[in-house]
Structures are given as structure tokens and as C-alpha cells.
Amino acid sequence: MIPTADLESAIRTAIPVTHLEIIDQSNGCGENYAILVVSEAFEGKTTLARHRFINDLLRPQIAQMHAFSQKSLTPTQYVAYVAKQTAA
């Protein structure tokens, strides 16, 4: 089992984080995580580059998981994302 604190620490140590959600989707066994990370460090980077960065950063933890998904957004994209979620 991978503690969410380990994932959070790895991300927050590497980049400035505006917002971070880590969701254990495996009912507590720690084998399936979804994350939403918002950072100005993603400005000017493609979605693929952002995902590769997070995947490389969390490589040791991801290797122990069954499934991993992510949303990596800039602060501006996050504002639009939240607006869209609340409008639905």
C-alpha cells in the first residue's frame, strides 16, 4: 500500500502546487490512485509533457500500483475546470 502522504510529499517537493487532490479509488488498499495537480510549473507545457513529468516523478510509487490516472492543470485551466464542474 502506498500512503497518499508519500505521493503528496513527492509532488509538493518537486513543484509549487496551487491545488492537489489525491483520491484512493481502490477502497483503501492503495493500488489505484487518481490525482488532480494544479501548478504554475505546467504553464507552456503540453498535456503530454505534464503527464510525463508527473509519471517520472512518481515512477517508484506508480510501479507498485494497479492503476494511476492524473489531471495536470495550470491555475487558469483549473478555474475553468471548476466552473465547468459546478455548471453541470
PDB file of N, CA and C in Angstrom:
ATOM      1  N   MET A   1       0.836  -1.192   0.000  1.00  0.00           N
ATOM      2  CA  MET A   1       0.000   0.000   0.000  1.00  0.00           C
ATOM      3  C   MET A   1       0.877   1.251   0.000  1.00  0.00           C
ATOM      4  N   ILE A   2       0.520   2.199  -0.818  1.00  0.00           N
ATOM      5  CA  ILE A   2       1.249   3.457  -0.919  1.00  0.00           C
ATOM      6  C   ILE A   2       0.448   4.535  -0.197  1.00  0.00           C
ATOM      7  N   PRO A   3       0.999   5.118   0.852  1.00  0.00           N
ATOM      8  CA  PRO A   3       0.277   6.184   1.551  1.00  0.00           C
ATOM      9  C   PRO A   3       0.127   7.426   0.670  1.00  0.00           C
ATOM     10  N   THR A   4      -1.026   8.065   0.727  1.00  0.00           N
ATOM     11  CA  THR A   4      -1.232   9.280  -0.054  1.00  0.00           C
ATOM     12  C   THR A   4      -0.231  10.356   0.356  1.00  0.00           C
ATOM     13  N   ALA A   5       0.213  10.341   1.600  1.00  0.00           N
ATOM     14  CA  ALA A   5       1.203  11.323   2.059  1.00  0.00           C
ATOM     15  C   ALA A   5       2.508  11.206   1.281  1.00  0.00           C
ATOM     16  N   ASP A   6       2.892  10.001   0.870  1.00  0.00           N
ATOM     17  CA  ASP A   6       4.104   9.813   0.072  1.00  0.00           C
ATOM     18  C   ASP A   6       3.957  10.456  -1.305  1.00  0.00           C
ATOM     19  N   LEU A   7       2.795  10.292  -1.911  1.00  0.00           N
ATOM     20  CA  LEU A   7       2.542  10.893  -3.216  1.00  0.00           C
ATOM     21  C   LEU A   7       2.524  12.419  -3.089  1.00  0.00           C
ATOM     22  N   GLU A   8       1.835  12.900  -2.081  1.00  0.00           N
ATOM     23  CA  GLU A   8       1.749  14.343  -1.880  1.00  0.00           C
ATOM     24  C   GLU A   8       3.124  14.956  -1.642  1.00  0.00           C
ATOM     25  N   SER A   9       3.911  14.326  -0.803  1.00  0.00           N
ATOM     26  CA  SER A   9       5.245  14.834  -0.498  1.00  0.00           C
ATOM     27  C   SER A   9       6.124  14.899  -1.742  1.00  0.00           C
ATOM     28  N   ALA A  10       6.094  13.847  -2.550  1.00  0.00           N
ATOM     29  CA  ALA A  10       6.914  13.810  -3.768  1.00  0.00           C
ATOM     30  C   ALA A  10       6.528  14.938  -4.720  1.00  0.00           C
ATOM     31  N   ILE A  11       5.234  15.178  -4.871  1.00  0.00           N
ATOM     32  CA  ILE A  11       4.766  16.213  -5.794  1.00  0.00           C
ATOM     33  C   ILE A  11       5.097  17.602  -5.252  1.00  0.00           C
ATOM     34  N   ARG A  12       4.765  17.842  -3.986  1.00  0.00           N
ATOM     35  CA  ARG A  12       4.972  19.177  -3.399  1.00  0.00           C
ATOM     36  C   ARG A  12       6.459  19.540  -3.285  1.00  0.00           C
ATOM     37  N   THR A  13       7.320  18.554  -3.161  1.00  0.00           N
ATOM     38  CA  THR A  13       8.756  18.807  -3.088  1.00  0.00           C
ATOM     39  C   THR A  13       9.305  19.215  -4.456  1.00  0.00           C
ATOM     40  N   ALA A  14       8.713  18.693  -5.527  1.00  0.00           N
ATOM     41  CA  ALA A  14       9.250  18.916  -6.877  1.00  0.00           C
ATOM     42  C   ALA A  14       8.756  20.201  -7.539  1.00  0.00           C
ATOM     43  N   ILE A  15       7.511  20.583  -7.281  1.00  0.00           N
ATOM     44  CA  ILE A  15       6.938  21.753  -7.960  1.00  0.00           C
ATOM     45  C   ILE A  15       6.065  22.546  -6.996  1.00  0.00           C
ATOM     46  N   PRO A  16       5.879  23.845  -7.280  1.00  0.00           N
ATOM     47  CA  PRO A  16       4.930  24.624  -6.478  1.00  0.00           C
ATOM     48  C   PRO A  16       3.508  24.188  -6.834  1.00  0.00           C
ATOM     49  N   VAL A  17       2.714  23.874  -5.834  1.00  0.00           N
ATOM     50  CA  VAL A  17       1.373  23.345  -6.056  1.00  0.00           C
ATOM     51  C   VAL A  17       0.332  24.349  -5.571  1.00  0.00           C
ATOM     52  N   THR A  18      -0.608  24.671  -6.457  1.00  0.00           N
ATOM     53  CA  THR A  18      -1.720  25.539  -6.106  1.00  0.00           C
ATOM     54  C   THR A  18      -2.855  24.722  -5.499  1.00  0.00           C
ATOM     55  N   HIS A  19      -3.082  23.544  -6.057  1.00  0.00           N
ATOM     56  CA  HIS A  19      -4.162  22.653  -5.586  1.00  0.00           C
ATOM     57  C   HIS A  19      -3.739  21.221  -5.876  1.00  0.00           C
ATOM     58  N   LEU A  20      -4.059  20.335  -4.937  1.00  0.00           N
ATOM     59  CA  LEU A  20      -3.721  18.922  -5.119  1.00  0.00           C
ATOM     60  C   LEU A  20      -4.804  18.054  -4.500  1.00  0.00           C
ATOM     61  N   GLU A  21      -5.320  17.139  -5.293  1.00  0.00           N
ATOM     62  CA  GLU A  21      -6.269  16.127  -4.805  1.00  0.00           C
ATOM     63  C   GLU A  21      -5.681  14.766  -5.131  1.00  0.00           C
ATOM     64  N   ILE A  22      -5.644  13.904  -4.142  1.00  0.00           N
ATOM     65  CA  ILE A  22      -5.195  12.524  -4.337  1.00  0.00           C
ATOM     66  C   ILE A  22      -6.320  11.630  -3.854  1.00  0.00           C
ATOM     67  N   ILE A  23      -6.863  10.845  -4.758  1.00  0.00           N
ATOM     68  CA  ILE A  23      -8.019  10.012  -4.441  1.00  0.00           C
ATOM     69  C   ILE A  23      -7.644   8.547  -4.567  1.00  0.00           C
ATOM     70  N   ASP A  24      -7.789   7.820  -3.464  1.00  0.00           N
ATOM     71  CA  ASP A  24      -7.579   6.377  -3.477  1.00  0.00           C
ATOM     72  C   ASP A  24      -8.868   5.748  -4.001  1.00  0.00           C
ATOM     73  N   GLN A  25      -8.835   5.256  -5.216  1.00  0.00           N
ATOM     74  CA  GLN A  25     -10.019   4.674  -5.848  1.00  0.00           C
ATOM     75  C   GLN A  25     -10.098   3.165  -5.644  1.00  0.00           C
ATOM     76  N   SER A  26      -9.256   2.643  -4.755  1.00  0.00           N
ATOM     77  CA  SER A  26      -9.211   1.190  -4.563  1.00  0.00           C
ATOM     78  C   SER A  26      -9.817   0.766  -3.227  1.00  0.00           C
ATOM     79  N   ASN A  27     -10.672   1.601  -2.666  1.00  0.00           N
ATOM     80  CA  ASN A  27     -11.322   1.282  -1.393  1.00  0.00           C
ATOM     81  C   ASN A  27     -10.333   1.035  -0.266  1.00  0.00           C
ATOM     82  N   GLY A  28      -9.268   1.812  -0.251  1.00  0.00           N
ATOM     83  CA  GLY A  28      -8.337   1.767   0.870  1.00  0.00           C
ATOM     84  C   GLY A  28      -7.131   0.872   0.729  1.00  0.00           C
ATOM     85  N   CYS A  29      -7.012   0.106  -0.336  1.00  0.00           N
ATOM     86  CA  CYS A  29      -5.858  -0.801  -0.443  1.00  0.00           C
ATOM     87  C   CYS A  29      -4.640  -0.114  -1.074  1.00  0.00           C
ATOM     88  N   GLY A  30      -4.809   1.104  -1.597  1.00  0.00           N
ATOM     89  CA  GLY A  30      -3.688   1.872  -2.108  1.00  0.00           C
ATOM     90  C   GLY A  30      -3.098   1.385  -3.403  1.00  0.00           C
ATOM     91  N   GLU A  31      -3.893   0.761  -4.258  1.00  0.00           N
ATOM     92  CA  GLU A  31      -3.376   0.255  -5.528  1.00  0.00           C
ATOM     93  C   GLU A  31      -3.943   0.975  -6.746  1.00  0.00           C
ATOM     94  N   ASN A  32      -4.826   1.942  -6.530  1.00  0.00           N
ATOM     95  CA  ASN A  32      -5.457   2.645  -7.632  1.00  0.00           C
ATOM     96  C   ASN A  32      -5.681   4.101  -7.220  1.00  0.00           C
ATOM     97  N   TYR A  33      -4.896   5.003  -7.770  1.00  0.00           N
ATOM     98  CA  TYR A  33      -4.994   6.412  -7.412  1.00  0.00           C
ATOM     99  C   TYR A  33      -5.322   7.271  -8.615  1.00  0.00           C
ATOM    100  N   ALA A  34      -6.065   8.330  -8.344  1.00  0.00           N
ATOM    101  CA  ALA A  34      -6.305   9.396  -9.317  1.00  0.00           C
ATOM    102  C   ALA A  34      -5.845  10.680  -8.647  1.00  0.00           C
ATOM    103  N   ILE A  35      -5.108  11.497  -9.385  1.00  0.00           N
ATOM    104  CA  ILE A  35      -4.667  12.766  -8.822  1.00  0.00           C
ATOM    105  C   ILE A  35      -5.080  13.915  -9.722  1.00  0.00           C
ATOM    106  N   LEU A  36      -5.296  15.047  -9.095  1.00  0.00           N
ATOM    107  CA  LEU A  36      -5.508  16.313  -9.781  1.00  0.00           C
ATOM    108  C   LEU A  36      -4.474  17.257  -9.195  1.00  0.00           C
ATOM    109  N   VAL A  37      -3.550  17.701 -10.018  1.00  0.00           N
ATOM    110  CA  VAL A  37      -2.494  18.601  -9.547  1.00  0.00           C
ATOM    111  C   VAL A  37      -2.525  19.873 -10.385  1.00  0.00           C
ATOM    112  N   VAL A  38      -2.512  21.003  -9.663  1.00  0.00           N
ATOM    113  CA  VAL A  38      -2.544  22.311 -10.307  1.00  0.00           C
ATOM    114  C   VAL A  38      -1.265  23.046  -9.927  1.00  0.00           C
ATOM    115  N   SER A  39      -0.552  23.516 -10.956  1.00  0.00           N
ATOM    116  CA  SER A  39       0.707  24.200 -10.698  1.00  0.00           C
ATOM    117  C   SER A  39       1.034  25.166 -11.824  1.00  0.00           C
ATOM    118  N   GLU A  40       1.621  26.297 -11.453  1.00  0.00           N
ATOM    119  CA  GLU A  40       2.096  27.230 -12.481  1.00  0.00           C
ATOM    120  C   GLU A  40       3.290  26.647 -13.224  1.00  0.00           C
ATOM    121  N   ALA A  41       3.912  25.605 -12.681  1.00  0.00           N
ATOM    122  CA  ALA A  41       5.035  24.946 -13.364  1.00  0.00           C
ATOM    123  C   ALA A  41       4.590  24.309 -14.679  1.00  0.00           C
ATOM    124  N   PHE A  42       3.284  24.095 -14.856  1.00  0.00           N
ATOM    125  CA  PHE A  42       2.765  23.485 -16.082  1.00  0.00           C
ATOM    126  C   PHE A  42       2.522  24.499 -17.193  1.00  0.00           C
ATOM    127  N   GLU A  43       2.648  25.794 -16.897  1.00  0.00           N
ATOM    128  CA  GLU A  43       2.434  26.830 -17.910  1.00  0.00           C
ATOM    129  C   GLU A  43       3.365  26.588 -19.106  1.00  0.00           C
ATOM    130  N   GLY A  44       2.797  26.634 -20.308  1.00  0.00           N
ATOM    131  CA  GLY A  44       3.583  26.491 -21.520  1.00  0.00           C
ATOM    132  C   GLY A  44       3.963  25.063 -21.874  1.00  0.00           C
ATOM    133  N   LYS A  45       3.536  24.101 -21.072  1.00  0.00           N
ATOM    134  CA  LYS A  45       3.851  22.692 -21.348  1.00  0.00           C
ATOM    135  C   LYS A  45       2.608  21.986 -21.899  1.00  0.00           C
ATOM    136  N   THR A  46       2.836  21.049 -22.784  1.00  0.00           N
ATOM    137  CA  THR A  46       1.726  20.269 -23.328  1.00  0.00           C
ATOM    138  C   THR A  46       1.205  19.305 -22.259  1.00  0.00           C
ATOM    139  N   THR A  47       0.019  18.795 -22.488  1.00  0.00           N
ATOM    140  CA  THR A  47      -0.547  17.802 -21.572  1.00  0.00           C
ATOM    141  C   THR A  47       0.375  16.596 -21.469  1.00  0.00           C
ATOM    142  N   LEU A  48       0.914  16.157 -22.599  1.00  0.00           N
ATOM    143  CA  LEU A  48       1.821  15.011 -22.594  1.00  0.00           C
ATOM    144  C   LEU A  48       3.063  15.294 -21.749  1.00  0.00           C
ATOM    145  N   ALA A  49       3.635  16.482 -21.890  1.00  0.00           N
ATOM    146  CA  ALA A  49       4.823  16.837 -21.105  1.00  0.00           C
ATOM    147  C   ALA A  49       4.507  16.874 -19.608  1.00  0.00           C
ATOM    148  N   ARG A  50       3.337  17.363 -19.249  1.00  0.00           N
ATOM    149  CA  ARG A  50       2.928  17.403 -17.841  1.00  0.00           C
ATOM    150  C   ARG A  50       2.787  15.989 -17.286  1.00  0.00           C
ATOM    151  N   HIS A  51       2.116  15.145 -18.053  1.00  0.00           N
ATOM    152  CA  HIS A  51       1.903  13.758 -17.605  1.00  0.00           C
ATOM    153  C   HIS A  51       3.225  13.013 -17.484  1.00  0.00           C
ATOM    154  N   ARG A  52       4.100  13.219 -18.437  1.00  0.00           N
ATOM    155  CA  ARG A  52       5.417  12.565 -18.353  1.00  0.00           C
ATOM    156  C   ARG A  52       6.177  13.032 -17.120  1.00  0.00           C
ATOM    157  N   PHE A  53       6.103  14.318 -16.819  1.00  0.00           N
ATOM    158  CA  PHE A  53       6.785  14.853 -15.646  1.00  0.00           C
ATOM    159  C   PHE A  53       6.282  14.185 -14.369  1.00  0.00           C
ATOM    160  N   ILE A  54       4.962  14.132 -14.208  1.00  0.00           N
ATOM    161  CA  ILE A  54       4.378  13.520 -13.001  1.00  0.00           C
ATOM    162  C   ILE A  54       4.678  12.024 -12.978  1.00  0.00           C
ATOM    163  N   ASN A  55       4.565  11.360 -14.111  1.00  0.00           N
ATOM    164  CA  ASN A  55       4.862   9.923 -14.162  1.00  0.00           C
ATOM    165  C   ASN A  55       6.313   9.640 -13.782  1.00  0.00           C
ATOM    166  N   ASP A  56       7.241  10.455 -14.284  1.00  0.00           N
ATOM    167  CA  ASP A  56       8.654  10.278 -13.933  1.00  0.00           C
ATOM    168  C   ASP A  56       8.884  10.551 -12.451  1.00  0.00           C
ATOM    169  N   LEU A  57       8.231  11.578 -11.948  1.00  0.00           N
ATOM    170  CA  LEU A  57       8.360  11.950 -10.541  1.00  0.00           C
ATOM    171  C   LEU A  57       7.873  10.834  -9.610  1.00  0.00           C
ATOM    172  N   LEU A  58       6.783  10.202  -9.986  1.00  0.00           N
ATOM    173  CA  LEU A  58       6.164   9.176  -9.137  1.00  0.00           C
ATOM    174  C   LEU A  58       6.459   7.752  -9.616  1.00  0.00           C
ATOM    175  N   ARG A  59       7.465   7.604 -10.459  1.00  0.00           N
ATOM    176  CA  ARG A  59       7.772   6.288 -11.035  1.00  0.00           C
ATOM    177  C   ARG A  59       7.860   5.164  -9.988  1.00  0.00           C
ATOM    178  N   PRO A  60       8.582   5.343  -8.883  1.00  0.00           N
ATOM    179  CA  PRO A  60       8.668   4.240  -7.905  1.00  0.00           C
ATOM    180  C   PRO A  60       7.300   3.867  -7.302  1.00  0.00           C
ATOM    181  N   GLN A  61       6.476   4.878  -7.049  1.00  0.00           N
ATOM    182  CA  GLN A  61       5.152   4.607  -6.479  1.00  0.00           C
ATOM    183  C   GLN A  61       4.214   3.992  -7.513  1.00  0.00           C
ATOM    184  N   ILE A  62       4.247   4.516  -8.747  1.00  0.00           N
ATOM    185  CA  ILE A  62       3.370   4.004  -9.793  1.00  0.00           C
ATOM    186  C   ILE A  62       3.688   2.544 -10.098  1.00  0.00           C
ATOM    187  N   ALA A  63       4.952   2.168  -9.994  1.00  0.00           N
ATOM    188  CA  ALA A  63       5.348   0.779 -10.252  1.00  0.00           C
ATOM    189  C   ALA A  63       4.675  -0.190  -9.282  1.00  0.00           C
ATOM    190  N   GLN A  64       4.255   0.295  -8.132  1.00  0.00           N
ATOM    191  CA  GLN A  64       3.610  -0.555  -7.130  1.00  0.00           C
ATOM    192  C   GLN A  64       2.082  -0.523  -7.227  1.00  0.00           C
ATOM    193  N   MET A  65       1.546   0.276  -8.139  1.00  0.00           N
ATOM    194  CA  MET A  65       0.095   0.440  -8.260  1.00  0.00           C
ATOM    195  C   MET A  65      -0.484  -0.453  -9.344  1.00  0.00           C
ATOM    196  N   HIS A  66      -1.769  -0.694  -9.213  1.00  0.00           N
ATOM    197  CA  HIS A  66      -2.511  -1.398 -10.250  1.00  0.00           C
ATOM    198  C   HIS A  66      -2.955  -0.404 -11.326  1.00  0.00           C
ATOM    199  N   ALA A  67      -3.369   0.804 -10.897  1.00  0.00           N
ATOM    200  CA  ALA A  67      -3.847   1.816 -11.841  1.00  0.00           C
ATOM    201  C   ALA A  67      -3.534   3.209 -11.306  1.00  0.00           C
ATOM    202  N   PHE A  68      -3.282   4.133 -12.238  1.00  0.00           N
ATOM    203  CA  PHE A  68      -2.963   5.507 -11.888  1.00  0.00           C
ATOM    204  C   PHE A  68      -3.482   6.424 -12.989  1.00  0.00           C
ATOM    205  N   SER A  69      -4.188   7.476 -12.596  1.00  0.00           N
ATOM    206  CA  SER A  69      -4.635   8.469 -13.574  1.00  0.00           C
ATOM    207  C   SER A  69      -4.368   9.856 -13.004  1.00  0.00           C
ATOM    208  N   GLN A  70      -4.262  10.816 -13.905  1.00  0.00           N
ATOM    209  CA  GLN A  70      -3.958  12.170 -13.454  1.00  0.00           C
ATOM    210  C   GLN A  70      -4.597  13.218 -14.339  1.00  0.00           C
ATOM    211  N   LYS A  71      -4.842  14.370 -13.733  1.00  0.00           N
ATOM    212  CA  LYS A  71      -5.155  15.606 -14.428  1.00  0.00           C
ATOM    213  C   LYS A  71      -4.108  16.585 -13.942  1.00  0.00           C
ATOM    214  N   SER A  72      -3.393  17.193 -14.871  1.00  0.00           N
ATOM    215  CA  SER A  72      -2.341  18.147 -14.555  1.00  0.00           C
ATOM    216  C   SER A  72      -2.708  19.465 -15.225  1.00  0.00           C
ATOM    217  N   LEU A  73      -3.091  20.449 -14.421  1.00  0.00           N
ATOM    218  CA  LEU A  73      -3.628  21.695 -14.950  1.00  0.00           C
ATOM    219  C   LEU A  73      -2.842  22.909 -14.474  1.00  0.00           C
ATOM    220  N   THR A  74      -2.908  23.963 -15.279  1.00  0.00           N
ATOM    221  CA  THR A  74      -2.397  25.259 -14.842  1.00  0.00           C
ATOM    222  C   THR A  74      -3.475  25.896 -13.966  1.00  0.00           C
ATOM    223  N   PRO A  75      -3.140  26.916 -13.186  1.00  0.00           N
ATOM    224  CA  PRO A  75      -4.170  27.580 -12.372  1.00  0.00           C
ATOM    225  C   PRO A  75      -5.336  28.116 -13.210  1.00  0.00           C
ATOM    226  N   THR A  76      -5.051  28.674 -14.371  1.00  0.00           N
ATOM    227  CA  THR A  76      -6.110  29.185 -15.241  1.00  0.00           C
ATOM    228  C   THR A  76      -7.010  28.053 -15.732  1.00  0.00           C
ATOM    229  N   GLN A  77      -6.417  26.943 -16.124  1.00  0.00           N
ATOM    230  CA  GLN A  77      -7.203  25.788 -16.565  1.00  0.00           C
ATOM    231  C   GLN A  77      -8.046  25.237 -15.419  1.00  0.00           C
ATOM    232  N   TYR A  78      -7.511  25.282 -14.202  1.00  0.00           N
ATOM    233  CA  TYR A  78      -8.242  24.769 -13.044  1.00  0.00           C
ATOM    234  C   TYR A  78      -9.488  25.612 -12.778  1.00  0.00           C
ATOM    235  N   VAL A  79      -9.379  26.926 -12.902  1.00  0.00           N
ATOM    236  CA  VAL A  79     -10.542  27.805 -12.713  1.00  0.00           C
ATOM    237  C   VAL A  79     -11.645  27.420 -13.709  1.00  0.00           C
ATOM    238  N   ALA A  80     -11.268  27.209 -14.968  1.00  0.00           N
ATOM    239  CA  ALA A  80     -12.230  26.801 -15.990  1.00  0.00           C
ATOM    240  C   ALA A  80     -12.796  25.407 -15.689  1.00  0.00           C
ATOM    241  N   TYR A  81     -11.963  24.501 -15.212  1.00  0.00           N
ATOM    242  CA  TYR A  81     -12.370  23.139 -14.865  1.00  0.00           C
ATOM    243  C   TYR A  81     -13.413  23.168 -13.752  1.00  0.00           C
ATOM    244  N   VAL A  82     -13.167  23.954 -12.702  1.00  0.00           N
ATOM    245  CA  VAL A  82     -14.097  24.056 -11.570  1.00  0.00           C
ATOM    246  C   VAL A  82     -15.413  24.681 -12.029  1.00  0.00           C
ATOM    247  N   ALA A  83     -15.328  25.717 -12.852  1.00  0.00           N
ATOM    248  CA  ALA A  83     -16.538  26.369 -13.365  1.00  0.00           C
ATOM    249  C   ALA A  83     -17.379  25.376 -14.155  1.00  0.00           C
ATOM    250  N   LYS A  84     -16.735  24.576 -14.958  1.00  0.00           N
ATOM    251  CA  LYS A  84     -17.446  23.576 -15.761  1.00  0.00           C
ATOM    252  C   LYS A  84     -18.097  22.521 -14.869  1.00  0.00           C
ATOM    253  N   GLN A  85     -17.384  22.094 -13.821  1.00  0.00           N
ATOM    254  CA  GLN A  85     -17.917  21.080 -12.904  1.00  0.00           C
ATOM    255  C   GLN A  85     -19.131  21.609 -12.138  1.00  0.00           C
ATOM    256  N   THR A  86     -19.091  22.853 -11.710  1.00  0.00           N
ATOM    257  CA  THR A  86     -20.201  23.403 -10.934  1.00  0.00           C
ATOM    258  C   THR A  86     -21.392  23.746 -11.814  1.00  0.00           C
ATOM    259  N   ALA A  87     -21.151  24.001 -13.095  1.00  0.00           N
ATOM    260  CA  ALA A  87     -22.243  24.316 -14.027  1.00  0.00           C
ATOM    261  C   ALA A  87     -23.014  23.063 -14.425  1.00  0.00           C
ATOM    262  N   ALA A  88     -22.380  21.908 -14.332  1.00  0.00           N
ATOM    263  CA  ALA A  88     -23.010  20.653 -14.763  1.00  0.00           C
ATOM    264  C   ALA A  88     -24.036  20.156 -13.773  1.00  0.00           C
TER     265      ALA A  88
END
